[in-house]
C-alpha atoms as a PDB file:
ATOM      1  CA  MET A   1      -9.998 -48.466  -3.177  1.00  0.00           C
ATOM      2  CA  PRO A   2     -10.558 -47.809   0.678  1.00  0.00           C
ATOM      3  CA  ARG A   3     -13.276 -46.112   2.003  1.00  0.00           C
ATOM      4  CA  VAL A   4     -12.817 -42.464   3.609  1.00  0.00           C
ATOM      5  CA  GLU A   5     -14.498 -41.572   6.945  1.00  0.00           C
ATOM      6  CA  ARG A   6     -14.972 -38.337   8.126  1.00  0.00           C
ATOM      7  CA  MET A   7     -15.756 -36.653  11.515  1.00  0.00           C
ATOM      8  CA  ARG A   8     -16.365 -33.362  13.088  1.00  0.00           C
ATOM      9  CA  ASP A   9     -14.991 -32.983  16.435  1.00  0.00           C
ATOM     10  CA  PHE A  10     -16.071 -29.799  18.354  1.00  0.00           C
ATOM     11  CA  LEU A  11     -13.671 -28.812  21.176  1.00  0.00           C
ATOM     12  CA  SER A  12     -14.780 -27.474  24.305  1.00  0.00           C
ATOM     13  CA  GLY A  13     -11.337 -26.522  25.307  1.00  0.00           C
ATOM     14  CA  PRO A  14      -7.679 -25.882  23.665  1.00  0.00           C
ATOM     15  CA  LEU A  15      -6.490 -28.337  21.274  1.00  0.00           C
ATOM     16  CA  THR A  16      -3.375 -30.099  23.002  1.00  0.00           C
ATOM     17  CA  PRO A  17      -0.724 -32.157  21.578  1.00  0.00           C
ATOM     18  CA  ALA A  18      -1.887 -35.140  23.878  1.00  0.00           C
ATOM     19  CA  TYR A  19      -5.348 -34.976  22.231  1.00  0.00           C
ATOM     20  CA  MET A  20      -3.852 -34.764  18.823  1.00  0.00           C
ATOM     21  CA  ASP A  21      -1.675 -37.997  19.851  1.00  0.00           C
ATOM     22  CA  ILE A  22      -4.858 -39.628  20.907  1.00  0.00           C
ATOM     23  CA  LYS A  23      -6.543 -38.896  17.662  1.00  0.00           C
ATOM     24  CA  ALA A  24      -3.718 -39.924  15.801  1.00  0.00           C
ATOM     25  CA  GLY A  25      -3.627 -43.059  17.409  1.00  0.00           C
ATOM     26  CA  GLU A  26      -7.000 -43.961  16.252  1.00  0.00           C
ATOM     27  CA  GLY A  27      -6.322 -43.295  12.965  1.00  0.00           C
ATOM     28  CA  TRP A  28      -7.109 -40.012  12.382  1.00  0.00           C
ATOM     29  CA  LYS A  29      -5.702 -37.010  10.360  1.00  0.00           C
ATOM     30  CA  PRO A  30      -6.402 -33.729  10.366  1.00  0.00           C
ATOM     31  CA  VAL A  31      -7.983 -32.398   7.068  1.00  0.00           C
ATOM     32  CA  VAL A  32      -9.268 -28.724   8.066  1.00  0.00           C
ATOM     33  CA  VAL A  33      -8.640 -26.461  10.902  1.00  0.00           C
ATOM     34  CA  ILE A  34     -11.351 -23.921  11.379  1.00  0.00           C
ATOM     35  CA  TRP A  35     -10.310 -20.828  14.073  1.00  0.00           C
ATOM     36  CA  GLU A  36     -12.755 -18.835  15.979  1.00  0.00           C
ATOM     37  CA  ARG A  37     -12.657 -15.966  18.304  1.00  0.00           C
ATOM     38  CA  GLN A  38     -15.153 -13.613  20.186  1.00  0.00           C
ATOM     39  CA  VAL A  39     -15.128 -10.131  18.289  1.00  0.00           C
ATOM     40  CA  GLU A  40     -17.140  -7.102  19.503  1.00  0.00           C
ATOM     41  CA  GLY A  41     -20.480  -6.712  17.025  1.00  0.00           C
ATOM     42  CA  GLY A  42     -20.558  -7.562  13.487  1.00  0.00           C
ATOM     43  CA  LYS A  43     -22.548 -10.222  11.875  1.00  0.00           C
ATOM     44  CA  PRO A  44     -22.348 -13.552  12.775  1.00  0.00           C
ATOM     45  CA  GLU A  45     -20.121 -16.136  10.760  1.00  0.00           C
ATOM     46  CA  PRO A  46     -22.226 -18.712   8.549  1.00  0.00           C
ATOM     47  CA  ALA A  47     -22.841 -21.970   9.944  1.00  0.00           C
ATOM     48  CA  ASN A  48     -21.587 -24.078   7.059  1.00  0.00           C
ATOM     49  CA  ILE A  49     -18.268 -22.491   5.393  1.00  0.00           C
ATOM     50  CA  THR A  50     -17.851 -25.951   3.432  1.00  0.00           C
ATOM     51  CA  GLU A  51     -20.789 -25.539   1.440  1.00  0.00           C
ATOM     52  CA  GLN A  52     -19.876 -25.297  -2.047  1.00  0.00           C
ATOM     53  CA  VAL A  53     -21.327 -21.812  -4.136  1.00  0.00           C
ATOM     54  CA  PRO A  54     -23.745 -22.889  -6.589  1.00  0.00           C
ATOM     55  CA  TYR A  55     -22.981 -22.991 -10.281  1.00  0.00           C
ATOM     56  CA  GLY A  56     -23.716 -19.685 -11.640  1.00  0.00           C
ATOM     57  CA  LEU A  57     -22.800 -17.456  -8.493  1.00  0.00           C
ATOM     58  CA  LYS A  58     -19.297 -16.374  -6.730  1.00  0.00           C
ATOM     59  CA  ILE A  59     -18.367 -14.789  -3.652  1.00  0.00           C
ATOM     60  CA  SER A  60     -18.476 -11.190  -4.042  1.00  0.00           C
ATOM     61  CA  GLU A  61     -15.470  -9.096  -3.126  1.00  0.00           C
ATOM     62  CA  ASP A  62     -16.382  -8.102   0.353  1.00  0.00           C
ATOM     63  CA  CYS A  63     -17.149 -12.064   1.078  1.00  0.00           C
ATOM     64  CA  LEU A  64     -20.290 -11.052   2.778  1.00  0.00           C
ATOM     65  CA  GLN A  65     -22.648 -12.321  -0.091  1.00  0.00           C
ATOM     66  CA  LEU A  66     -22.934 -14.208  -3.282  1.00  0.00           C
ATOM     67  CA  GLU A  67     -23.310 -12.428  -6.742  1.00  0.00           C
ATOM     68  CA  GLN A  68     -23.634 -13.758 -10.495  1.00  0.00           C
ATOM     69  CA  ASP A  69     -20.701 -14.893 -12.246  1.00  0.00           C
ATOM     70  CA  ILE A  70     -21.586 -13.728 -15.848  1.00  0.00           C
ATOM     71  CA  GLN A  71     -19.687 -16.641 -17.721  1.00  0.00           C
ATOM     72  CA  GLU A  72     -21.220 -19.422 -15.573  1.00  0.00           C
ATOM     73  CA  LYS A  73     -24.625 -17.954 -15.867  1.00  0.00           C
ATOM     74  CA  GLU A  74     -24.501 -17.632 -19.558  1.00  0.00           C
ATOM     75  CA  ALA A  75     -23.834 -21.369 -19.658  1.00  0.00           C
ATOM     76  CA  LEU A  76     -26.871 -22.065 -17.721  1.00  0.00           C
ATOM     77  CA  VAL A  77     -28.828 -20.074 -19.987  1.00  0.00           C
ATOM     78  CA  VAL A  78     -27.328 -22.246 -22.966  1.00  0.00           C
ATOM     79  CA  MET A  79     -28.324 -25.275 -21.381  1.00  0.00           C
ATOM     80  CA  LEU A  80     -31.760 -24.211 -20.657  1.00  0.00           C
ATOM     81  CA  GLU A  81     -32.256 -22.900 -24.361  1.00  0.00           C
ATOM     82  CA  MET A  82     -31.015 -26.594 -25.551  1.00  0.00           C
ATOM     83  CA  ILE A  83     -32.767 -28.480 -23.149  1.00  0.00           C
ATOM     84  CA  ILE A  84     -36.022 -26.600 -24.302  1.00  0.00           C
ATOM     85  CA  GLN A  85     -35.158 -27.326 -27.631  1.00  0.00           C
ATOM     86  CA  GLU A  86     -35.144 -31.019 -26.806  1.00  0.00           C
ATOM     87  CA  LYS A  87     -31.320 -31.412 -27.313  1.00  0.00           C
ATOM     88  CA  PRO A  88     -29.685 -34.377 -26.251  1.00  0.00           C
ATOM     89  CA  LEU A  89     -27.031 -33.978 -23.426  1.00  0.00           C
ATOM     90  CA  THR A  90     -24.388 -35.017 -25.914  1.00  0.00           C
ATOM     91  CA  GLU A  91     -25.068 -32.236 -28.214  1.00  0.00           C
ATOM     92  CA  ILE A  92     -25.468 -29.495 -25.231  1.00  0.00           C
ATOM     93  CA  ALA A  93     -21.964 -30.759 -23.927  1.00  0.00           C
ATOM     94  CA  GLU A  94     -20.363 -30.155 -27.239  1.00  0.00           C
ATOM     95  CA  SER A  95     -22.039 -27.023 -27.748  1.00  0.00           C
ATOM     96  CA  LEU A  96     -20.511 -25.708 -24.469  1.00  0.00           C
ATOM     97  CA  ASN A  97     -17.141 -26.901 -25.329  1.00  0.00           C
ATOM     98  CA  GLN A  98     -17.295 -25.082 -28.723  1.00  0.00           C
ATOM     99  CA  ARG A  99     -18.496 -21.837 -27.211  1.00  0.00           C
ATOM    100  CA  GLY A 100     -15.500 -22.006 -24.614  1.00  0.00           C
ATOM    101  CA  PHE A 101     -17.560 -22.796 -21.667  1.00  0.00           C
ATOM    102  CA  ARG A 102     -15.809 -24.817 -18.994  1.00  0.00           C
ATOM    103  CA  THR A 103     -17.178 -26.341 -15.806  1.00  0.00           C
ATOM    104  CA  ARG A 104     -16.179 -24.896 -12.304  1.00  0.00           C
ATOM    105  CA  TYR A 105     -13.201 -27.028 -12.265  1.00  0.00           C
ATOM    106  CA  ASN A 106     -12.037 -25.805 -15.679  1.00  0.00           C
ATOM    107  CA  ASN A 107     -12.752 -28.949 -17.259  1.00  0.00           C
ATOM    108  CA  LYS A 108     -14.316 -29.524 -20.578  1.00  0.00           C
ATOM    109  CA  TRP A 109     -18.305 -30.083 -20.438  1.00  0.00           C
ATOM    110  CA  THR A 110     -19.438 -34.076 -20.724  1.00  0.00           C
ATOM    111  CA  PRO A 111     -22.798 -35.267 -20.894  1.00  0.00           C
ATOM    112  CA  GLY A 112     -22.666 -36.331 -17.364  1.00  0.00           C
ATOM    113  CA  ALA A 113     -21.475 -33.311 -16.121  1.00  0.00           C
ATOM    114  CA  VAL A 114     -24.318 -31.296 -18.074  1.00  0.00           C
ATOM    115  CA  PHE A 115     -26.839 -34.103 -16.374  1.00  0.00           C
ATOM    116  CA  ASP A 116     -25.489 -33.354 -12.850  1.00  0.00           C
ATOM    117  CA  MET A 117     -26.493 -29.512 -13.436  1.00  0.00           C
ATOM    118  CA  LEU A 118     -30.232 -30.317 -13.943  1.00  0.00           C
ATOM    119  CA  PRO A 119     -31.158 -29.616 -10.482  1.00  0.00           C
ATOM    120  CA  ARG A 120     -29.217 -26.301 -10.653  1.00  0.00           C
ATOM    121  CA  LEU A 121     -31.057 -25.790 -13.586  1.00  0.00           C
ATOM    122  CA  ILE A 122     -34.343 -26.655 -11.991  1.00  0.00           C
ATOM    123  CA  GLU A 123     -33.528 -24.161  -9.273  1.00  0.00           C
ATOM    124  CA  VAL A 124     -32.768 -21.018 -11.574  1.00  0.00           C
ATOM    125  CA  GLY A 125     -35.090 -21.550 -14.444  1.00  0.00           C
ATOM    126  CA  PRO A 126     -37.870 -19.734 -12.931  1.00  0.00           C
ATOM    127  CA  ARG A 127     -35.501 -16.572 -12.523  1.00  0.00           C
ATOM    128  CA  VAL A 128     -34.180 -16.803 -16.130  1.00  0.00           C
ATOM    129  CA  PHE A 129     -37.498 -17.325 -17.633  1.00  0.00           C
ATOM    130  CA  THR A 130     -38.823 -14.087 -16.357  1.00  0.00           C
ATOM    131  CA  SER A 131     -35.862 -12.102 -17.363  1.00  0.00           C
ATOM    132  CA  GLU A 132     -36.001  -9.389 -19.929  1.00  0.00           C
ATOM    133  CA  GLU A 133     -33.005 -11.127 -21.614  1.00  0.00           C
ATOM    134  CA  TRP A 134     -35.041 -14.366 -21.814  1.00  0.00           C
ATOM    135  CA  VAL A 135     -37.552 -12.726 -23.805  1.00  0.00           C
ATOM    136  CA  GLU A 136     -35.576 -11.530 -26.146  1.00  0.00           C
ATOM    137  CA  ARG A 137     -33.707 -14.674 -26.742  1.00  0.00           C
ATOM    138  CA  ARG A 138     -37.182 -16.618 -26.786  1.00  0.00           C
ATOM    139  CA  GLY A 139     -38.225 -14.397 -29.646  1.00  0.00           C
ATOM    140  CA  ARG A 140     -34.780 -15.432 -31.497  1.00  0.00           C
ATOM    141  CA  LEU A 141     -35.439 -18.850 -31.027  1.00  0.00           C
ATOM    142  CA  MET A 142     -38.875 -18.635 -32.348  1.00  0.00           C
ATOM    143  CA  ASN A 143     -37.638 -16.913 -35.257  1.00  0.00           C
ATOM    144  CA  ALA A 144     -35.026 -19.459 -35.913  1.00  0.00           C
ATOM    145  CA  VAL A 145     -37.509 -22.140 -36.174  1.00  0.00           C
END
């Protein structure tokens, strides 16, 4: 399978058909077009608009900030609970699927997908462990043992 090469090209002037022909002749094809214009006041746009939103969060309705995605947050908490119980990744994936949770792309969870979530779980863990909800869950877990 051929390797895909990408490059970011910042234009100092207007985009012209001649420039597009040169790039096409070099084998490049446009993938994304980002437009910008000068506006009075307001907040500046984020520097990197292609960065993916972390699992457990979503873009707010005003498109200015991130907010919790309740269903994804619950999936993260389930993963944390089961990791603390030292469950294998296969069992965690099966449990998520049985409870109706899906990945960001609406796929079933696999052990590999759960493994890929470990950095996010490490990032979100301290906030989850200090929440009142976690204290209640921990109490239920301890009583179940």
